[in-house]
């Protein structure tokens, strides 16, 4: 493996006209350089390109722009990126391996449909990225990648701090091809059916990543899909992921305390604040039509995860120490000492 030095990729100075798409221009430059360098034997398939951060610094663009550049070059089939290693030059003379439909492509079509259904006119700004993310139900990072895709297609253009319609006509299509995450979720589900029973823990994400030879991120997203289907139930930290149902049917019997724990968790999210005292075990057993033993085990698990604490004595009971947050939220409220907050600005 040979590492290509920055000095080989000339020129490093690029000028951009107002409104010109930097990622589009730079991706065409890199593709042209790769084609010419391969034909002249200056580089070979398998050679490693310089890091994105180094190229971004030398050219004078942001790292985000350079990440979009590499994504476009990879989509065109000239490079291949491998996690923790970098981006390699590909040999395009052989048969090209067809990729699964990316989430970016699927979200691109969803945004097109949104633009048509809401009659967004030429020159009109589209909603903020976060708003589109919430409406479509995907991450803001994926929405940004899809918007960049639409800019490449000429459907959108950047205008100051927003994206506006250009007036260029476009068609929408229904993409039914599987994403890699979809395919991996099917493989993991098959593994569960063949090897595990309801109530048993599945292997860690790291173990699944090694077994199926895919990234941890892909395994994480695939397990989240199975959790939505009701096949598994995930808990943070050392508690891992438990098989709930082989078929995904929520009525199928699994360990009862896991279902009860999930219901109590939802109760804490909807009705409680930090410091609140929750109903006693007997009352919860009646509410959820379950045995006191099952309620106790569910509360013990939530206590181990840091959501509840038990206090003895006359004024004792079960108290909320942290309110669970939905998966989409990535922050946690912290209680800070008032003396500390007063000194933050000093």
Protein backbone atom coordinates (compact mmCIF):
# COMPACT_ATOMS: atom_id res chain seq x y z
CA UNK A 1 0.00 0.00 0.00
CA UNK A 2 1.45 3.35 -1.05
CA UNK A 3 0.35 6.64 0.44
CA UNK A 4 -0.12 9.42 -2.10
CA UNK A 5 1.54 12.65 -0.95
CA UNK A 6 -0.22 16.00 -1.17
CA UNK A 7 2.51 17.36 -3.44
CA UNK A 8 1.47 14.83 -6.12
CA UNK A 9 -2.07 16.17 -6.30
CA UNK A 10 -1.48 19.51 -8.00
CA UNK A 11 -2.75 22.15 -8.23
CA UNK A 12 -3.74 22.97 -4.67
CA UNK A 13 -5.02 26.46 -5.47
CA UNK A 14 -8.64 26.65 -6.64
CA UNK A 15 -10.81 29.70 -7.26
CA UNK A 16 -14.56 29.63 -6.86
CA UNK A 17 -17.11 31.91 -8.46
CA UNK A 18 -19.93 33.33 -6.29
CA UNK A 19 -22.61 30.66 -5.90
CA UNK A 20 -20.42 27.97 -7.49
CA UNK A 21 -20.69 24.56 -5.86
CA UNK A 22 -17.28 23.80 -4.33
CA UNK A 23 -17.89 20.11 -3.74
CA UNK A 24 -18.99 19.56 -7.34
CA UNK A 25 -15.95 21.38 -8.77
CA UNK A 26 -13.44 19.67 -6.49
CA UNK A 27 -14.92 16.20 -7.07
CA UNK A 28 -14.51 16.65 -10.84
CA UNK A 29 -10.91 17.76 -10.29
CA UNK A 30 -10.09 14.69 -8.16
CA UNK A 31 -11.76 12.33 -10.66
CA UNK A 32 -9.82 13.92 -13.54
CA UNK A 33 -6.56 13.68 -11.57
CA UNK A 34 -7.16 9.99 -10.73
CA UNK A 35 -7.94 9.11 -14.37
CA UNK A 36 -4.84 10.91 -15.69
CA UNK A 37 -2.56 9.55 -12.96
CA UNK A 38 -3.73 5.96 -13.48
CA UNK A 39 -3.22 6.18 -17.25
CA UNK A 40 0.31 7.60 -16.80
CA UNK A 41 1.16 4.95 -14.15
CA UNK A 42 1.89 7.65 -11.55
CA UNK A 43 -0.51 5.91 -9.17
CA UNK A 44 -1.96 2.42 -8.96
CA UNK A 45 -5.26 0.94 -7.79
CA UNK A 46 -5.06 0.47 -4.03
CA UNK A 47 -2.97 3.58 -3.39
CA UNK A 48 -4.14 5.60 -0.40
CA UNK A 49 -5.27 9.20 -0.92
CA UNK A 50 -4.17 11.92 1.55
CA UNK A 51 -6.50 12.43 4.55
CA UNK A 52 -9.56 14.62 3.93
CA UNK A 53 -8.44 17.08 6.62
CA UNK A 54 -5.03 17.58 4.94
CA UNK A 55 -6.59 18.15 1.51
CA UNK A 56 -9.17 20.55 2.97
CA UNK A 57 -6.42 22.58 4.66
CA UNK A 58 -4.23 22.81 1.54
CA UNK A 59 -7.09 23.68 -0.79
CA UNK A 60 -8.69 26.13 1.65
CA UNK A 61 -12.14 24.61 2.14
CA UNK A 62 -13.92 23.20 5.17
CA UNK A 63 -13.63 19.57 6.23
CA UNK A 64 -17.39 19.21 5.63
CA UNK A 65 -16.96 20.30 2.01
CA UNK A 66 -14.12 17.81 1.53
CA UNK A 67 -16.21 15.01 3.06
CA UNK A 68 -18.91 15.76 0.47
CA UNK A 69 -16.23 15.74 -2.25
CA UNK A 70 -15.01 12.28 -1.26
CA UNK A 71 -18.59 11.02 -1.07
CA UNK A 72 -19.25 12.18 -4.64
CA UNK A 73 -16.01 10.63 -5.93
CA UNK A 74 -16.84 7.36 -4.17
CA UNK A 75 -20.37 7.35 -5.57
CA UNK A 76 -18.82 7.76 -9.04
CA UNK A 77 -16.79 4.60 -8.42
CA UNK A 78 -13.25 6.05 -8.40
CA UNK A 79 -12.37 5.50 -4.74
CA UNK A 80 -13.38 3.22 -1.89
CA UNK A 81 -13.41 4.30 1.74
CA UNK A 82 -12.59 1.94 4.57
CA UNK A 83 -13.16 2.78 8.21
CA UNK A 84 -10.01 3.78 10.17
CA UNK A 85 -7.84 3.33 7.06
CA UNK A 86 -8.83 6.00 4.57
CA UNK A 87 -9.81 6.24 0.90
CA UNK A 88 -8.22 4.00 -1.73
CA UNK A 89 -8.03 4.46 -5.50
CA UNK A 90 -10.23 1.87 -7.24
CA UNK A 91 -9.61 0.00 -10.46
CA UNK A 92 -12.61 0.89 -12.64
CA UNK A 93 -11.56 -1.35 -15.56
CA UNK A 94 -13.16 -4.39 -13.97
CA UNK A 95 -16.84 -5.04 -13.36
CA UNK A 96 -18.26 -2.44 -11.01
CA UNK A 97 -19.83 -3.80 -7.86
CA UNK A 98 -23.37 -2.51 -7.48
CA UNK A 99 -23.99 -0.80 -4.17
CA UNK A 100 -27.13 -1.09 -2.14
CA UNK A 101 -29.33 1.98 -2.28
CA UNK A 102 -27.92 4.44 0.21
CA UNK A 103 -30.02 6.15 2.84
CA UNK A 104 -28.92 9.45 1.29
CA UNK A 105 -30.53 8.49 -2.05
CA UNK A 106 -33.75 7.38 -0.37
CA UNK A 107 -33.97 10.61 1.65
CA UNK A 108 -33.24 12.62 -1.52
CA UNK A 109 -36.40 11.17 -3.08
CA UNK A 110 -38.38 11.81 0.11
CA UNK A 111 -37.34 15.49 0.06
CA UNK A 112 -38.32 15.76 -3.62
CA UNK A 113 -41.77 14.43 -2.76
CA UNK A 114 -41.99 16.86 0.15
CA UNK A 115 -41.12 19.79 -2.14
CA UNK A 116 -43.77 18.78 -4.68
CA UNK A 117 -46.50 17.99 -2.17
CA UNK A 118 -46.00 21.31 -0.40
CA UNK A 119 -45.79 23.29 -3.69
CA UNK A 120 -42.41 24.91 -2.90
CA UNK A 121 -41.91 27.52 -5.64
CA UNK A 122 -38.70 28.63 -7.44
CA UNK A 123 -36.81 31.10 -5.27
CA UNK A 124 -38.65 29.96 -2.14
CA UNK A 125 -36.55 28.70 0.76
CA UNK A 126 -37.09 25.15 1.96
CA UNK A 127 -37.64 24.48 5.69
CA UNK A 128 -34.60 24.20 8.00
CA UNK A 129 -32.68 20.92 8.03
CA UNK A 130 -33.87 20.04 11.54
CA UNK A 131 -37.52 20.53 10.57
CA UNK A 132 -37.16 18.29 7.50
CA UNK A 133 -35.37 15.73 9.66
CA UNK A 134 -38.32 15.59 12.06
CA UNK A 135 -40.91 15.38 9.27
CA UNK A 136 -39.14 12.55 7.41
CA UNK A 137 -37.85 10.78 10.52
CA UNK A 138 -34.11 10.60 9.74
CA UNK A 139 -31.00 12.24 11.17
CA UNK A 140 -30.05 15.82 10.29
CA UNK A 141 -26.72 14.54 8.92
CA UNK A 142 -28.55 12.38 6.37
CA UNK A 143 -30.82 15.28 5.42
CA UNK A 144 -27.78 17.51 4.86
CA UNK A 145 -26.21 14.85 2.61
CA UNK A 146 -29.46 14.57 0.64
CA UNK A 147 -29.69 18.35 0.26
CA UNK A 148 -26.13 18.36 -1.08
CA UNK A 149 -27.26 15.69 -3.54
CA UNK A 150 -30.12 17.93 -4.70
CA UNK A 151 -27.70 20.83 -5.12
CA UNK A 152 -25.57 18.62 -7.40
CA UNK A 153 -28.71 17.82 -9.41
CA UNK A 154 -29.51 21.53 -9.74
CA UNK A 155 -32.80 21.25 -7.85
CA UNK A 156 -31.61 23.43 -4.95
CA UNK A 157 -29.03 26.15 -4.46
CA UNK A 158 -27.60 27.85 -1.42
CA UNK A 159 -28.69 31.41 -0.75
CA UNK A 160 -26.98 32.96 2.29
CA UNK A 161 -28.05 30.81 5.25
CA UNK A 162 -30.82 28.84 3.51
CA UNK A 163 -31.46 26.56 0.54
CA UNK A 164 -33.89 27.66 -2.17
CA UNK A 165 -35.58 26.05 -5.17
CA UNK A 166 -33.90 26.77 -8.49
CA UNK A 167 -36.92 26.18 -10.71
CA UNK A 168 -35.30 23.23 -12.47
CA UNK A 169 -37.82 20.47 -13.16
CA UNK A 170 -37.32 17.09 -11.51
CA UNK A 171 -39.04 13.74 -11.23
CA UNK A 172 -39.76 11.71 -8.13
CA UNK A 173 -39.47 7.95 -7.92
CA UNK A 174 -40.17 5.24 -5.38
CA UNK A 175 -36.94 3.60 -4.25
CA UNK A 176 -37.73 0.17 -2.88
CA UNK A 177 -34.19 -1.22 -2.77
CA UNK A 178 -32.83 -2.19 0.62
CA UNK A 179 -30.26 -0.11 2.43
CA UNK A 180 -27.30 -1.87 4.01
CA UNK A 181 -28.91 -1.37 7.42
CA UNK A 182 -32.10 -3.11 6.20
CA UNK A 183 -30.12 -6.06 4.90
CA UNK A 184 -28.06 -6.38 8.09
CA UNK A 185 -31.20 -6.21 10.26
CA UNK A 186 -32.60 -9.18 8.30
CA UNK A 187 -29.35 -11.11 8.82
CA UNK A 188 -29.33 -10.40 12.56
CA UNK A 189 -32.99 -11.39 12.85
CA UNK A 190 -32.22 -14.69 11.07
CA UNK A 191 -29.35 -15.29 13.50
CA UNK A 192 -31.69 -14.64 16.46
CA UNK A 193 -34.33 -17.07 15.12
CA UNK A 194 -31.75 -19.82 14.61
CA UNK A 195 -29.79 -19.40 17.85
CA UNK A 196 -31.72 -17.57 20.58
CA UNK A 197 -34.96 -17.64 22.55
CA UNK A 198 -37.08 -14.82 24.06
CA UNK A 199 -35.42 -13.51 27.20
CA UNK A 200 -31.86 -14.31 26.10
CA UNK A 201 -29.28 -11.62 25.37
CA UNK A 202 -27.95 -11.20 21.84
CA UNK A 203 -24.19 -10.78 21.25
CA UNK A 204 -22.71 -7.31 21.69
CA UNK A 205 -22.66 -4.88 18.77
CA UNK A 206 -18.90 -5.38 18.54
CA UNK A 207 -19.31 -9.16 18.28
CA UNK A 208 -22.03 -8.77 15.62
CA UNK A 209 -19.82 -6.31 13.74
CA UNK A 210 -17.04 -8.89 13.59
CA UNK A 211 -19.41 -11.73 12.70
CA UNK A 212 -21.05 -9.93 9.76
CA UNK A 213 -17.90 -7.95 8.81
CA UNK A 214 -19.62 -4.57 8.92
CA UNK A 215 -19.15 -1.34 10.89
CA UNK A 216 -20.37 -0.86 14.45
CA UNK A 217 -22.56 2.04 13.28
CA UNK A 218 -24.38 -0.21 10.79
CA UNK A 219 -24.95 -2.87 13.47
CA UNK A 220 -26.22 -0.20 15.88
CA UNK A 221 -28.75 1.10 13.32
CA UNK A 222 -29.83 -2.45 12.40
CA UNK A 223 -30.47 -3.34 16.06
CA UNK A 224 -32.52 -0.12 16.43
CA UNK A 225 -34.72 -1.29 13.52
CA UNK A 226 -35.26 -4.64 15.24
CA UNK A 227 -36.14 -2.80 18.47
CA UNK A 228 -38.83 -0.84 16.60
CA UNK A 229 -40.23 -4.13 15.26
CA UNK A 230 -40.42 -5.49 18.80
CA UNK A 231 -37.91 -8.26 18.12
CA UNK A 232 -35.41 -7.02 20.72
CA UNK A 233 -35.34 -4.68 23.68
CA UNK A 234 -32.22 -2.57 24.23
CA UNK A 235 -30.90 -1.21 27.50
CA UNK A 236 -27.84 0.95 27.91
CA UNK A 237 -24.49 -0.07 29.32
CA UNK A 238 -23.66 -3.59 30.47
CA UNK A 239 -27.28 -4.76 30.33
CA UNK A 240 -27.19 -5.24 26.57
CA UNK A 241 -29.98 -6.20 24.20
CA UNK A 242 -32.57 -8.88 25.01
CA UNK A 243 -34.67 -10.92 22.60
CA UNK A 244 -38.32 -9.93 23.06
CA UNK A 245 -40.05 -11.86 20.29
CA UNK A 246 -38.85 -13.98 17.39
CA UNK A 247 -41.65 -12.71 15.13
CA UNK A 248 -41.80 -9.13 16.35
CA UNK A 249 -45.35 -9.73 17.64
CA UNK A 250 -45.64 -7.81 20.91
CA UNK A 251 -48.28 -10.29 22.16
CA UNK A 252 -45.83 -13.19 22.09
CA UNK A 253 -44.60 -14.13 25.55
CA UNK A 254 -41.15 -12.92 26.56
CA UNK A 255 -39.73 -12.32 29.99
CA UNK A 256 -42.59 -10.41 31.57
CA UNK A 257 -40.39 -8.10 33.64
CA UNK A 258 -38.79 -6.77 30.43
CA UNK A 259 -42.21 -5.63 29.16
CA UNK A 260 -43.13 -4.24 32.57
CA UNK A 261 -39.80 -2.42 32.78
CA UNK A 262 -40.49 -0.82 29.40
CA UNK A 263 -43.94 0.36 30.55
CA UNK A 264 -42.55 1.81 33.78
CA UNK A 265 -39.81 3.55 31.81
CA UNK A 266 -42.49 5.17 29.61
CA UNK A 267 -44.40 6.16 32.76
CA UNK A 268 -41.29 7.90 34.11
CA UNK A 269 -40.80 9.79 30.81
CA UNK A 270 -44.41 10.98 30.65
CA UNK A 271 -45.29 11.67 34.29
CA UNK A 272 -42.24 12.19 36.45
CA UNK A 273 -39.50 14.67 37.26
CA UNK A 274 -36.24 14.16 39.16
CA UNK A 275 -37.02 13.77 42.87
CA UNK A 276 -40.59 12.52 42.41
CA UNK A 277 -41.77 9.53 44.42
CA UNK A 278 -43.41 6.82 42.30
CA UNK A 279 -46.33 4.62 43.51
CA UNK A 280 -45.54 1.64 45.79
CA UNK A 281 -44.95 -1.84 44.38
CA UNK A 282 -48.44 -3.10 45.31
CA UNK A 283 -50.12 -0.26 43.45
CA UNK A 284 -47.89 -0.74 40.38
CA UNK A 285 -48.67 -4.46 40.40
CA UNK A 286 -52.40 -3.68 40.17
CA UNK A 287 -51.86 -0.99 37.52
CA UNK A 288 -49.87 -3.29 35.23
CA UNK A 289 -51.71 -6.53 36.15
CA UNK A 290 -48.48 -8.17 37.21
CA UNK A 291 -46.98 -9.84 40.27
CA UNK A 292 -45.14 -7.81 42.91
CA UNK A 293 -42.05 -9.94 42.24
CA UNK A 294 -42.04 -8.92 38.56
CA UNK A 295 -42.50 -5.24 39.47
CA UNK A 296 -39.62 -5.48 41.97
CA UNK A 297 -37.29 -6.97 39.36
CA UNK A 298 -38.20 -4.27 36.82
CA UNK A 299 -37.59 -1.52 39.41
CA UNK A 300 -34.25 -3.10 40.37
CA UNK A 301 -33.13 -2.96 36.74
CA UNK A 302 -34.16 0.69 36.41
CA UNK A 303 -32.31 1.43 39.65
CA UNK A 304 -29.14 -0.24 38.31
CA UNK A 305 -29.39 1.96 35.21
CA UNK A 306 -29.52 5.06 37.43
CA UNK A 307 -33.16 6.07 36.96
CA UNK A 308 -34.45 5.16 40.44
CA UNK A 309 -33.21 4.98 44.03
CA UNK A 310 -34.76 3.28 47.07
CA UNK A 311 -34.99 4.87 50.53
CA UNK A 312 -36.03 3.18 53.78
CA UNK A 313 -37.88 4.58 56.77
CA UNK A 314 -41.03 6.53 57.40
CA UNK A 315 -40.46 8.92 54.50
CA UNK A 316 -38.88 6.34 52.26
CA UNK A 317 -40.01 4.83 48.98
CA UNK A 318 -38.84 4.73 45.38
CA UNK A 319 -37.63 8.07 44.00
CA UNK A 320 -36.70 9.25 40.48
CA UNK A 321 -33.02 10.14 40.12
CA UNK A 322 -33.00 10.59 36.34
CA UNK A 323 -35.80 10.78 33.77
CA UNK A 324 -35.27 8.53 30.74
CA UNK A 325 -35.21 10.39 27.42
CA UNK A 326 -36.47 9.18 24.03
CA UNK A 327 -33.81 7.71 21.71
CA UNK A 328 -33.94 10.74 19.39
CA UNK A 329 -32.79 13.06 22.18
CA UNK A 330 -29.04 13.14 22.64
CA UNK A 331 -28.80 15.26 25.79
CA UNK A 332 -29.37 14.76 29.51
CA UNK A 333 -30.39 17.41 32.04
CA UNK A 334 -27.89 17.86 34.86
CA UNK A 335 -28.44 19.45 38.28
CA UNK A 336 -25.70 22.03 38.88
CA UNK A 337 -24.70 23.67 42.14
CA UNK A 338 -25.92 27.30 42.20
CA UNK A 339 -22.48 28.52 43.34
CA UNK A 340 -20.95 26.91 40.27
CA UNK A 341 -23.44 28.46 37.85
CA UNK A 342 -22.82 31.92 39.33
CA UNK A 343 -19.11 31.55 38.60
CA UNK A 344 -19.49 30.33 35.00
CA UNK A 345 -19.37 33.85 33.58
CA UNK A 346 -16.47 34.94 35.82
